[in-house]
């Protein structure tokens, strides 16, 4: 959908503040599914068309091989996205399913079926499949095999955080989908800044699940209200282009972003205060034991 231009020389917008531009830059991410992963669908297409001109049995095996190759390429996309999410967090669990390894096995199996459909023997098909599986692992690697930053963290509390984070992500996705109907660049930029503030709060809670109680209202009630307001605004603005609704919604986003930033800063300050108290308690205990830290 085309977006209305917004900026310094736009009739409806002023120059974007530097802080907002910086938040948009921080929110910019590279799609983990690159051209290499998308090209993995190409062998399946080639195999499908080349199998149509063979006999019935060879065609059936070839079509099955194309399906396996396509499934492997699709699983690979999910594995790359899960790996990117794992590396973007300081505290993360390993993926429940090793999708990249599964994708490599499917690529090998699909290649073996392709070899059989074109007249190769079983031994040759197995060798072809093993080579492709190895090359797939060399090209895309394997999935993260261990948890990261989970030492000393209550797994039950971490599960509660994961549920809240999943709900918050669903609200953010619904807001982004609703604003696609509006197509206003300024509003989309403000939404990017707001979502950056929300994700900072999410990362803070993920790194210290004890902060969940203080942040739960923000990631639940307030974010749900923001989602409902966004959907309502999209309905109104897409039908009558109300400038009053647009200005009110921009003010709402500004207020929400400031409040979420303030909550994140408060949690970080509280964590620092807790650390200071723990250090002082440890110093006093060491002094009683006769250990000097001078």
C-alpha atoms as a PDB file:
ATOM      1  CA  UNK A   1       0.000   0.000   0.000  1.00  0.00           C
ATOM      2  CA  UNK A   2       1.319   3.466  -0.854  1.00  0.00           C
ATOM      3  CA  UNK A   3       2.261   5.671   2.095  1.00  0.00           C
ATOM      4  CA  UNK A   4       1.747   9.408   2.386  1.00  0.00           C
ATOM      5  CA  UNK A   5       5.072  11.271   2.464  1.00  0.00           C
ATOM      6  CA  UNK A   6       5.957  12.845   5.795  1.00  0.00           C
ATOM      7  CA  UNK A   7       8.909  15.005   6.710  1.00  0.00           C
ATOM      8  CA  UNK A   8      10.269  18.527   6.844  1.00  0.00           C
ATOM      9  CA  UNK A   9       8.692  19.608   3.545  1.00  0.00           C
ATOM     10  CA  UNK A  10       5.474  17.639   3.936  1.00  0.00           C
ATOM     11  CA  UNK A  11       2.208  19.610   4.267  1.00  0.00           C
ATOM     12  CA  UNK A  12       1.264  17.476   7.275  1.00  0.00           C
ATOM     13  CA  UNK A  13       4.514  16.904   9.056  1.00  0.00           C
ATOM     14  CA  UNK A  14       7.551  18.549  10.525  1.00  0.00           C
ATOM     15  CA  UNK A  15      11.118  17.372  10.518  1.00  0.00           C
ATOM     16  CA  UNK A  16      11.537  14.162  12.462  1.00  0.00           C
ATOM     17  CA  UNK A  17      13.194  14.677  15.868  1.00  0.00           C
ATOM     18  CA  UNK A  18      16.645  13.191  16.240  1.00  0.00           C
ATOM     19  CA  UNK A  19      15.639  10.980  19.168  1.00  0.00           C
ATOM     20  CA  UNK A  20      12.787   9.526  17.159  1.00  0.00           C
ATOM     21  CA  UNK A  21      15.067   8.864  14.201  1.00  0.00           C
ATOM     22  CA  UNK A  22      17.516   7.113  16.517  1.00  0.00           C
ATOM     23  CA  UNK A  23      14.771   4.902  17.939  1.00  0.00           C
ATOM     24  CA  UNK A  24      13.657   3.990  14.428  1.00  0.00           C
ATOM     25  CA  UNK A  25      17.243   3.081  13.561  1.00  0.00           C
ATOM     26  CA  UNK A  26      17.486   0.871  16.650  1.00  0.00           C
ATOM     27  CA  UNK A  27      14.227  -0.833  15.699  1.00  0.00           C
ATOM     28  CA  UNK A  28      15.500  -1.604  12.198  1.00  0.00           C
ATOM     29  CA  UNK A  29      16.409  -5.273  11.861  1.00  0.00           C
ATOM     30  CA  UNK A  30      17.741  -7.419   9.063  1.00  0.00           C
ATOM     31  CA  UNK A  31      15.494 -10.232   7.912  1.00  0.00           C
ATOM     32  CA  UNK A  32      17.251 -13.445   8.997  1.00  0.00           C
ATOM     33  CA  UNK A  33      15.775 -15.270   5.995  1.00  0.00           C
ATOM     34  CA  UNK A  34      18.056 -14.126   3.209  1.00  0.00           C
ATOM     35  CA  UNK A  35      18.400 -14.951  -0.452  1.00  0.00           C
ATOM     36  CA  UNK A  36      20.302 -18.162   0.277  1.00  0.00           C
ATOM     37  CA  UNK A  37      17.373 -19.612   2.200  1.00  0.00           C
ATOM     38  CA  UNK A  38      14.860 -18.527  -0.454  1.00  0.00           C
ATOM     39  CA  UNK A  39      16.943 -20.178  -3.171  1.00  0.00           C
ATOM     40  CA  UNK A  40      16.447 -23.524  -1.420  1.00  0.00           C
ATOM     41  CA  UNK A  41      12.975 -23.609  -2.982  1.00  0.00           C
ATOM     42  CA  UNK A  42      14.499 -23.596  -6.485  1.00  0.00           C
ATOM     43  CA  UNK A  43      15.701 -27.255  -6.539  1.00  0.00           C
ATOM     44  CA  UNK A  44      12.183 -28.378  -5.644  1.00  0.00           C
ATOM     45  CA  UNK A  45      10.719 -26.437  -8.580  1.00  0.00           C
ATOM     46  CA  UNK A  46      13.330 -27.812 -10.986  1.00  0.00           C
ATOM     47  CA  UNK A  47      12.782 -31.376  -9.763  1.00  0.00           C
ATOM     48  CA  UNK A  48       9.013 -31.040 -10.082  1.00  0.00           C
ATOM     49  CA  UNK A  49       9.134 -29.945 -13.716  1.00  0.00           C
ATOM     50  CA  UNK A  50      11.801 -32.470 -14.751  1.00  0.00           C
ATOM     51  CA  UNK A  51       9.830 -35.312 -13.150  1.00  0.00           C
ATOM     52  CA  UNK A  52       6.670 -34.606 -15.142  1.00  0.00           C
ATOM     53  CA  UNK A  53       8.200 -36.100 -18.290  1.00  0.00           C
ATOM     54  CA  UNK A  54       9.274 -39.407 -16.707  1.00  0.00           C
ATOM     55  CA  UNK A  55       7.289 -42.565 -16.202  1.00  0.00           C
ATOM     56  CA  UNK A  56       4.566 -42.901 -13.617  1.00  0.00           C
ATOM     57  CA  UNK A  57       6.770 -44.353 -10.874  1.00  0.00           C
ATOM     58  CA  UNK A  58       9.641 -41.936 -11.490  1.00  0.00           C
ATOM     59  CA  UNK A  59       7.215 -39.041 -11.611  1.00  0.00           C
ATOM     60  CA  UNK A  60       5.668 -40.032  -8.273  1.00  0.00           C
ATOM     61  CA  UNK A  61       9.093 -40.336  -6.633  1.00  0.00           C
ATOM     62  CA  UNK A  62      10.185 -37.021  -8.132  1.00  0.00           C
ATOM     63  CA  UNK A  63       7.061 -35.202  -6.960  1.00  0.00           C
ATOM     64  CA  UNK A  64       7.576 -36.658  -3.486  1.00  0.00           C
ATOM     65  CA  UNK A  65      11.193 -35.470  -3.553  1.00  0.00           C
ATOM     66  CA  UNK A  66      10.080 -31.980  -4.582  1.00  0.00           C
ATOM     67  CA  UNK A  67       7.646 -31.928  -1.685  1.00  0.00           C
ATOM     68  CA  UNK A  68      10.367 -32.986   0.766  1.00  0.00           C
ATOM     69  CA  UNK A  69      12.755 -30.330  -0.578  1.00  0.00           C
ATOM     70  CA  UNK A  70      10.055 -27.650  -0.276  1.00  0.00           C
ATOM     71  CA  UNK A  71       9.299 -28.727   3.284  1.00  0.00           C
ATOM     72  CA  UNK A  72      12.999 -28.564   4.112  1.00  0.00           C
ATOM     73  CA  UNK A  73      13.271 -25.024   2.722  1.00  0.00           C
ATOM     74  CA  UNK A  74      10.225 -23.940   4.719  1.00  0.00           C
ATOM     75  CA  UNK A  75      11.595 -25.504   7.933  1.00  0.00           C
ATOM     76  CA  UNK A  76      14.926 -23.760   7.290  1.00  0.00           C
ATOM     77  CA  UNK A  77      13.197 -20.367   7.242  1.00  0.00           C
ATOM     78  CA  UNK A  78      11.677 -21.059  10.633  1.00  0.00           C
ATOM     79  CA  UNK A  79      15.027 -22.232  11.987  1.00  0.00           C
ATOM     80  CA  UNK A  80      16.786 -19.059  10.857  1.00  0.00           C
ATOM     81  CA  UNK A  81      14.097 -16.883  12.437  1.00  0.00           C
ATOM     82  CA  UNK A  82      14.302 -18.831  15.720  1.00  0.00           C
ATOM     83  CA  UNK A  83      18.093 -18.528  15.720  1.00  0.00           C
ATOM     84  CA  UNK A  84      17.904 -14.765  15.136  1.00  0.00           C
ATOM     85  CA  UNK A  85      15.461 -14.396  18.034  1.00  0.00           C
ATOM     86  CA  UNK A  86      17.814 -16.481  20.217  1.00  0.00           C
ATOM     87  CA  UNK A  87      20.835 -14.299  19.444  1.00  0.00           C
ATOM     88  CA  UNK A  88      18.904 -11.043  19.882  1.00  0.00           C
ATOM     89  CA  UNK A  89      18.203 -11.807  23.550  1.00  0.00           C
ATOM     90  CA  UNK A  90      20.583 -11.948  26.469  1.00  0.00           C
ATOM     91  CA  UNK A  91      18.415 -14.574  28.153  1.00  0.00           C
ATOM     92  CA  UNK A  92      17.004 -17.277  25.891  1.00  0.00           C
ATOM     93  CA  UNK A  93      16.248 -20.949  25.751  1.00  0.00           C
ATOM     94  CA  UNK A  94      17.473 -23.130  22.966  1.00  0.00           C
ATOM     95  CA  UNK A  95      14.877 -23.784  20.251  1.00  0.00           C
ATOM     96  CA  UNK A  96      12.559 -26.624  21.235  1.00  0.00           C
ATOM     97  CA  UNK A  97      12.933 -28.191  17.779  1.00  0.00           C
ATOM     98  CA  UNK A  98      16.299 -28.185  15.945  1.00  0.00           C
ATOM     99  CA  UNK A  99      14.771 -26.900  12.707  1.00  0.00           C
ATOM    100  CA  UNK A 100      18.009 -26.227  10.827  1.00  0.00           C
ATOM    101  CA  UNK A 101      19.214 -29.772  11.478  1.00  0.00           C
ATOM    102  CA  UNK A 102      15.818 -31.107  10.434  1.00  0.00           C
ATOM    103  CA  UNK A 103      15.981 -28.960   7.289  1.00  0.00           C
ATOM    104  CA  UNK A 104      19.384 -30.455   6.441  1.00  0.00           C
ATOM    105  CA  UNK A 105      17.994 -33.994   6.818  1.00  0.00           C
ATOM    106  CA  UNK A 106      14.997 -33.125   4.644  1.00  0.00           C
ATOM    107  CA  UNK A 107      17.270 -31.621   1.990  1.00  0.00           C
ATOM    108  CA  UNK A 108      19.312 -34.828   1.970  1.00  0.00           C
ATOM    109  CA  UNK A 109      16.196 -36.994   1.776  1.00  0.00           C
ATOM    110  CA  UNK A 110      14.738 -34.899  -1.034  1.00  0.00           C
ATOM    111  CA  UNK A 111      17.991 -35.118  -2.979  1.00  0.00           C
ATOM    112  CA  UNK A 112      18.035 -38.883  -2.549  1.00  0.00           C
ATOM    113  CA  UNK A 113      14.503 -39.155  -3.918  1.00  0.00           C
ATOM    114  CA  UNK A 114      15.471 -36.891  -6.812  1.00  0.00           C
ATOM    115  CA  UNK A 115      18.392 -39.178  -7.655  1.00  0.00           C
ATOM    116  CA  UNK A 116      16.166 -42.260  -7.569  1.00  0.00           C
ATOM    117  CA  UNK A 117      13.547 -40.615  -9.781  1.00  0.00           C
ATOM    118  CA  UNK A 118      16.229 -39.994 -12.421  1.00  0.00           C
ATOM    119  CA  UNK A 119      17.533 -43.568 -12.524  1.00  0.00           C
ATOM    120  CA  UNK A 120      20.256 -43.641  -9.860  1.00  0.00           C
ATOM    121  CA  UNK A 121      20.609 -46.667  -7.603  1.00  0.00           C
ATOM    122  CA  UNK A 122      19.942 -46.737  -3.878  1.00  0.00           C
ATOM    123  CA  UNK A 123      23.620 -46.478  -2.901  1.00  0.00           C
ATOM    124  CA  UNK A 124      24.150 -43.487  -5.169  1.00  0.00           C
ATOM    125  CA  UNK A 125      21.005 -41.826  -3.831  1.00  0.00           C
ATOM    126  CA  UNK A 126      22.205 -42.277  -0.243  1.00  0.00           C
ATOM    127  CA  UNK A 127      25.609 -40.801  -1.121  1.00  0.00           C
ATOM    128  CA  UNK A 128      24.020 -37.828  -2.895  1.00  0.00           C
ATOM    129  CA  UNK A 129      21.728 -37.229   0.077  1.00  0.00           C
ATOM    130  CA  UNK A 130      24.591 -37.427   2.593  1.00  0.00           C
ATOM    131  CA  UNK A 131      26.676 -34.944   0.615  1.00  0.00           C
ATOM    132  CA  UNK A 132      23.784 -32.477   0.345  1.00  0.00           C
ATOM    133  CA  UNK A 133      23.030 -32.840   4.052  1.00  0.00           C
ATOM    134  CA  UNK A 134      26.647 -32.053   4.911  1.00  0.00           C
ATOM    135  CA  UNK A 135      26.741 -29.073   2.547  1.00  0.00           C
ATOM    136  CA  UNK A 136      23.501 -27.779   4.037  1.00  0.00           C
ATOM    137  CA  UNK A 137      24.985 -27.867   7.552  1.00  0.00           C
ATOM    138  CA  UNK A 138      28.166 -26.188   6.287  1.00  0.00           C
ATOM    139  CA  UNK A 139      26.155 -23.413   4.610  1.00  0.00           C
ATOM    140  CA  UNK A 140      23.572 -22.699   7.321  1.00  0.00           C
ATOM    141  CA  UNK A 141      25.060 -24.204  10.472  1.00  0.00           C
ATOM    142  CA  UNK A 142      23.135 -25.935  13.235  1.00  0.00           C
ATOM    143  CA  UNK A 143      20.635 -24.696  15.786  1.00  0.00           C
ATOM    144  CA  UNK A 144      21.694 -23.272  19.173  1.00  0.00           C
ATOM    145  CA  UNK A 145      22.057 -26.318  21.395  1.00  0.00           C
ATOM    146  CA  UNK A 146      22.151 -24.750  24.868  1.00  0.00           C
ATOM    147  CA  UNK A 147      20.269 -22.180  26.917  1.00  0.00           C
ATOM    148  CA  UNK A 148      21.778 -18.714  27.218  1.00  0.00           C
ATOM    149  CA  UNK A 149      21.881 -16.626  30.391  1.00  0.00           C
ATOM    150  CA  UNK A 150      19.591 -19.003  32.312  1.00  0.00           C
ATOM    151  CA  UNK A 151      21.929 -19.636  35.238  1.00  0.00           C
ATOM    152  CA  UNK A 152      20.208 -18.941  38.549  1.00  0.00           C
ATOM    153  CA  UNK A 153      16.852 -18.113  36.938  1.00  0.00           C
ATOM    154  CA  UNK A 154      13.657 -19.735  38.141  1.00  0.00           C
ATOM    155  CA  UNK A 155      12.343 -21.651  35.126  1.00  0.00           C
ATOM    156  CA  UNK A 156       8.737 -21.343  36.350  1.00  0.00           C
ATOM    157  CA  UNK A 157       9.092 -17.575  36.540  1.00  0.00           C
ATOM    158  CA  UNK A 158      10.734 -17.572  33.109  1.00  0.00           C
ATOM    159  CA  UNK A 159       7.753 -19.480  31.695  1.00  0.00           C
ATOM    160  CA  UNK A 160       5.419 -16.806  33.101  1.00  0.00           C
ATOM    161  CA  UNK A 161       7.545 -14.127  31.429  1.00  0.00           C
ATOM    162  CA  UNK A 162       7.439 -16.045  28.129  1.00  0.00           C
ATOM    163  CA  UNK A 163       3.631 -16.127  28.188  1.00  0.00           C
ATOM    164  CA  UNK A 164       3.403 -12.397  28.883  1.00  0.00           C
ATOM    165  CA  UNK A 165       5.959 -11.634  26.162  1.00  0.00           C
ATOM    166  CA  UNK A 166       4.090 -13.756  23.613  1.00  0.00           C
ATOM    167  CA  UNK A 167       0.889 -11.889  24.436  1.00  0.00           C
ATOM    168  CA  UNK A 168       2.680  -8.538  24.103  1.00  0.00           C
ATOM    169  CA  UNK A 169       4.145  -9.546  20.741  1.00  0.00           C
ATOM    170  CA  UNK A 170       0.660 -10.487  19.533  1.00  0.00           C
ATOM    171  CA  UNK A 171      -0.636  -7.031  20.514  1.00  0.00           C
ATOM    172  CA  UNK A 172       2.241  -5.299  18.707  1.00  0.00           C
ATOM    173  CA  UNK A 173       1.645  -7.356  15.567  1.00  0.00           C
ATOM    174  CA  UNK A 174      -2.065  -6.490  15.630  1.00  0.00           C
ATOM    175  CA  UNK A 175      -1.220  -2.775  15.887  1.00  0.00           C
ATOM    176  CA  UNK A 176       1.165  -2.993  12.936  1.00  0.00           C
ATOM    177  CA  UNK A 177      -1.420  -4.840  10.848  1.00  0.00           C
ATOM    178  CA  UNK A 178      -4.114  -2.278  11.664  1.00  0.00           C
ATOM    179  CA  UNK A 179      -1.935   0.681  10.623  1.00  0.00           C
ATOM    180  CA  UNK A 180      -1.288  -0.876   7.209  1.00  0.00           C
ATOM    181  CA  UNK A 181      -4.779   0.323   6.295  1.00  0.00           C
ATOM    182  CA  UNK A 182      -3.822   3.906   7.158  1.00  0.00           C
ATOM    183  CA  UNK A 183      -0.624   4.192   5.118  1.00  0.00           C
ATOM    184  CA  UNK A 184       0.622   7.300   6.940  1.00  0.00           C
ATOM    185  CA  UNK A 185       4.424   7.495   7.172  1.00  0.00           C
ATOM    186  CA  UNK A 186       4.479   9.789  10.223  1.00  0.00           C
ATOM    187  CA  UNK A 187       2.164   7.514  12.178  1.00  0.00           C
ATOM    188  CA  UNK A 188       4.154   4.453  11.180  1.00  0.00           C
ATOM    189  CA  UNK A 189       7.359   6.134  12.387  1.00  0.00           C
ATOM    190  CA  UNK A 190       5.739   6.998  15.707  1.00  0.00           C
ATOM    191  CA  UNK A 191       4.503   3.436  16.035  1.00  0.00           C
ATOM    192  CA  UNK A 192       8.060   2.209  15.414  1.00  0.00           C
ATOM    193  CA  UNK A 193       9.316   4.428  18.221  1.00  0.00           C
ATOM    194  CA  UNK A 194       6.607   3.183  20.569  1.00  0.00           C
ATOM    195  CA  UNK A 195       7.290  -0.452  19.755  1.00  0.00           C
ATOM    196  CA  UNK A 196      11.002   0.143  20.375  1.00  0.00           C
ATOM    197  CA  UNK A 197      10.150   1.385  23.877  1.00  0.00           C
ATOM    198  CA  UNK A 198       7.930  -1.649  24.466  1.00  0.00           C
ATOM    199  CA  UNK A 199      10.644  -4.063  23.355  1.00  0.00           C
ATOM    200  CA  UNK A 200      13.167  -2.395  25.667  1.00  0.00           C
ATOM    201  CA  UNK A 201      10.802  -3.100  28.545  1.00  0.00           C
ATOM    202  CA  UNK A 202      10.342  -6.669  27.329  1.00  0.00           C
ATOM    203  CA  UNK A 203      14.109  -7.243  27.209  1.00  0.00           C
ATOM    204  CA  UNK A 204      14.469  -5.820  30.733  1.00  0.00           C
ATOM    205  CA  UNK A 205      11.851  -8.221  32.073  1.00  0.00           C
ATOM    206  CA  UNK A 206      13.374 -11.162  30.202  1.00  0.00           C
ATOM    207  CA  UNK A 207      16.785 -10.470  31.697  1.00  0.00           C
ATOM    208  CA  UNK A 208      15.344 -10.265  35.217  1.00  0.00           C
ATOM    209  CA  UNK A 209      11.985 -12.086  35.574  1.00  0.00           C
ATOM    210  CA  UNK A 210      11.566 -10.565  39.044  1.00  0.00           C
ATOM    211  CA  UNK A 211      10.538  -7.363  37.261  1.00  0.00           C
ATOM    212  CA  UNK A 212       7.461  -9.059  35.793  1.00  0.00           C
ATOM    213  CA  UNK A 213       5.156  -7.960  38.613  1.00  0.00           C
ATOM    214  CA  UNK A 214       6.060  -4.296  38.126  1.00  0.00           C
ATOM    215  CA  UNK A 215       5.802  -4.465  34.332  1.00  0.00           C
ATOM    216  CA  UNK A 216       2.846  -6.814  33.916  1.00  0.00           C
ATOM    217  CA  UNK A 217       0.258  -4.025  33.775  1.00  0.00           C
ATOM    218  CA  UNK A 218       2.239  -2.265  31.044  1.00  0.00           C
ATOM    219  CA  UNK A 219       2.727  -5.383  28.930  1.00  0.00           C
ATOM    220  CA  UNK A 220      -0.841  -6.526  29.485  1.00  0.00           C
ATOM    221  CA  UNK A 221      -3.549  -3.954  30.246  1.00  0.00           C
ATOM    222  CA  UNK A 222      -1.880  -0.864  28.766  1.00  0.00           C
ATOM    223  CA  UNK A 223      -0.719  -2.648  25.635  1.00  0.00           C
ATOM    224  CA  UNK A 224      -4.161  -4.180  25.136  1.00  0.00           C
ATOM    225  CA  UNK A 225      -5.689  -0.713  25.384  1.00  0.00           C
ATOM    226  CA  UNK A 226      -3.154   0.616  22.880  1.00  0.00           C
ATOM    227  CA  UNK A 227      -4.074  -2.186  20.482  1.00  0.00           C
ATOM    228  CA  UNK A 228      -7.801  -1.446  20.760  1.00  0.00           C
ATOM    229  CA  UNK A 229      -7.173   2.288  20.286  1.00  0.00           C
ATOM    230  CA  UNK A 230      -5.036   1.589  17.213  1.00  0.00           C
ATOM    231  CA  UNK A 231      -7.679  -0.603  15.611  1.00  0.00           C
ATOM    232  CA  UNK A 232     -10.362   2.001  16.335  1.00  0.00           C
ATOM    233  CA  UNK A 233      -8.203   4.781  14.898  1.00  0.00           C
ATOM    234  CA  UNK A 234      -7.504   2.758  11.748  1.00  0.00           C
ATOM    235  CA  UNK A 235     -11.248   2.221  11.265  1.00  0.00           C
ATOM    236  CA  UNK A 236     -12.041   5.922  11.674  1.00  0.00           C
ATOM    237  CA  UNK A 237      -9.135   7.354   9.687  1.00  0.00           C
ATOM    238  CA  UNK A 238      -9.457   4.959   6.756  1.00  0.00           C
ATOM    239  CA  UNK A 239     -13.104   5.949   6.344  1.00  0.00           C
ATOM    240  CA  UNK A 240     -13.115   9.764   6.788  1.00  0.00           C
ATOM    241  CA  UNK A 241      -9.439  10.917   7.064  1.00  0.00           C
ATOM    242  CA  UNK A 242     -10.197  12.728  10.337  1.00  0.00           C
ATOM    243  CA  UNK A 243      -7.304  15.072  11.201  1.00  0.00           C
ATOM    244  CA  UNK A 244      -8.560  15.350  14.789  1.00  0.00           C
ATOM    245  CA  UNK A 245      -8.359  11.579  15.201  1.00  0.00           C
ATOM    246  CA  UNK A 246      -4.867  11.592  13.658  1.00  0.00           C
ATOM    247  CA  UNK A 247      -3.555  14.255  16.033  1.00  0.00           C
ATOM    248  CA  UNK A 248      -5.127  12.583  19.065  1.00  0.00           C
ATOM    249  CA  UNK A 249      -3.612   9.255  18.115  1.00  0.00           C
ATOM    250  CA  UNK A 250      -0.134  10.781  17.675  1.00  0.00           C
ATOM    251  CA  UNK A 251      -0.421  12.357  21.127  1.00  0.00           C
ATOM    252  CA  UNK A 252      -1.440   8.963  22.524  1.00  0.00           C
ATOM    253  CA  UNK A 253       1.600   7.275  20.990  1.00  0.00           C
ATOM    254  CA  UNK A 254       3.906   9.960  22.383  1.00  0.00           C
ATOM    255  CA  UNK A 255       2.437   9.547  25.879  1.00  0.00           C
ATOM    256  CA  UNK A 256       2.669   5.762  25.712  1.00  0.00           C
ATOM    257  CA  UNK A 257       6.280   5.839  24.550  1.00  0.00           C
ATOM    258  CA  UNK A 258       7.281   8.185  27.382  1.00  0.00           C
ATOM    259  CA  UNK A 259       5.481   6.052  29.969  1.00  0.00           C
ATOM    260  CA  UNK A 260       7.073   2.812  28.768  1.00  0.00           C
ATOM    261  CA  UNK A 261      10.522   4.431  28.705  1.00  0.00           C
ATOM    262  CA  UNK A 262       9.977   5.734  32.234  1.00  0.00           C
ATOM    263  CA  UNK A 263       8.933   2.282  33.474  1.00  0.00           C
ATOM    264  CA  UNK A 264      12.015   0.685  31.910  1.00  0.00           C
ATOM    265  CA  UNK A 265      14.274   3.310  33.500  1.00  0.00           C
ATOM    266  CA  UNK A 266      12.595   2.737  36.873  1.00  0.00           C
ATOM    267  CA  UNK A 267      13.177  -1.011  36.656  1.00  0.00           C
ATOM    268  CA  UNK A 268      16.831  -0.499  35.768  1.00  0.00           C
ATOM    269  CA  UNK A 269      17.293   1.892  38.699  1.00  0.00           C
ATOM    270  CA  UNK A 270      15.603  -0.568  41.058  1.00  0.00           C
ATOM    271  CA  UNK A 271      17.905  -3.347  39.837  1.00  0.00           C
ATOM    272  CA  UNK A 272      20.926  -1.126  40.463  1.00  0.00           C
ATOM    273  CA  UNK A 273      19.664  -0.306  43.957  1.00  0.00           C
ATOM    274  CA  UNK A 274      19.179  -4.015  44.706  1.00  0.00           C
ATOM    275  CA  UNK A 275      22.729  -4.724  43.565  1.00  0.00           C
ATOM    276  CA  UNK A 276      24.080  -1.932  45.779  1.00  0.00           C
ATOM    277  CA  UNK A 277      22.244  -3.371  48.805  1.00  0.00           C
ATOM    278  CA  UNK A 278      23.566  -6.875  48.105  1.00  0.00           C
ATOM    279  CA  UNK A 279      27.128  -5.563  47.821  1.00  0.00           C
ATOM    280  CA  UNK A 280      26.844  -3.697  51.130  1.00  0.00           C
ATOM    281  CA  UNK A 281      25.437  -6.773  52.875  1.00  0.00           C
ATOM    282  CA  UNK A 282      28.290  -8.874  51.496  1.00  0.00           C
ATOM    283  CA  UNK A 283      30.863  -6.322  52.670  1.00  0.00           C
ATOM    284  CA  UNK A 284      29.421  -6.335  56.182  1.00  0.00           C
ATOM    285  CA  UNK A 285      29.442 -10.125  56.279  1.00  0.00           C
ATOM    286  CA  UNK A 286      33.061 -10.267  55.139  1.00  0.00           C
ATOM    287  CA  UNK A 287      34.017  -7.673  57.745  1.00  0.00           C
ATOM    288  CA  UNK A 288      32.499  -9.834  60.466  1.00  0.00           C
ATOM    289  CA  UNK A 289      34.569 -12.767  59.178  1.00  0.00           C
ATOM    290  CA  UNK A 290      37.687 -10.675  59.361  1.00  0.00           C
ATOM    291  CA  UNK A 291      38.191 -10.365  55.590  1.00  0.00           C
ATOM    292  CA  UNK A 292      39.343  -6.923  54.481  1.00  0.00           C
ATOM    293  CA  UNK A 293      38.606  -5.690  50.942  1.00  0.00           C
ATOM    294  CA  UNK A 294      40.858  -2.604  51.103  1.00  0.00           C
END
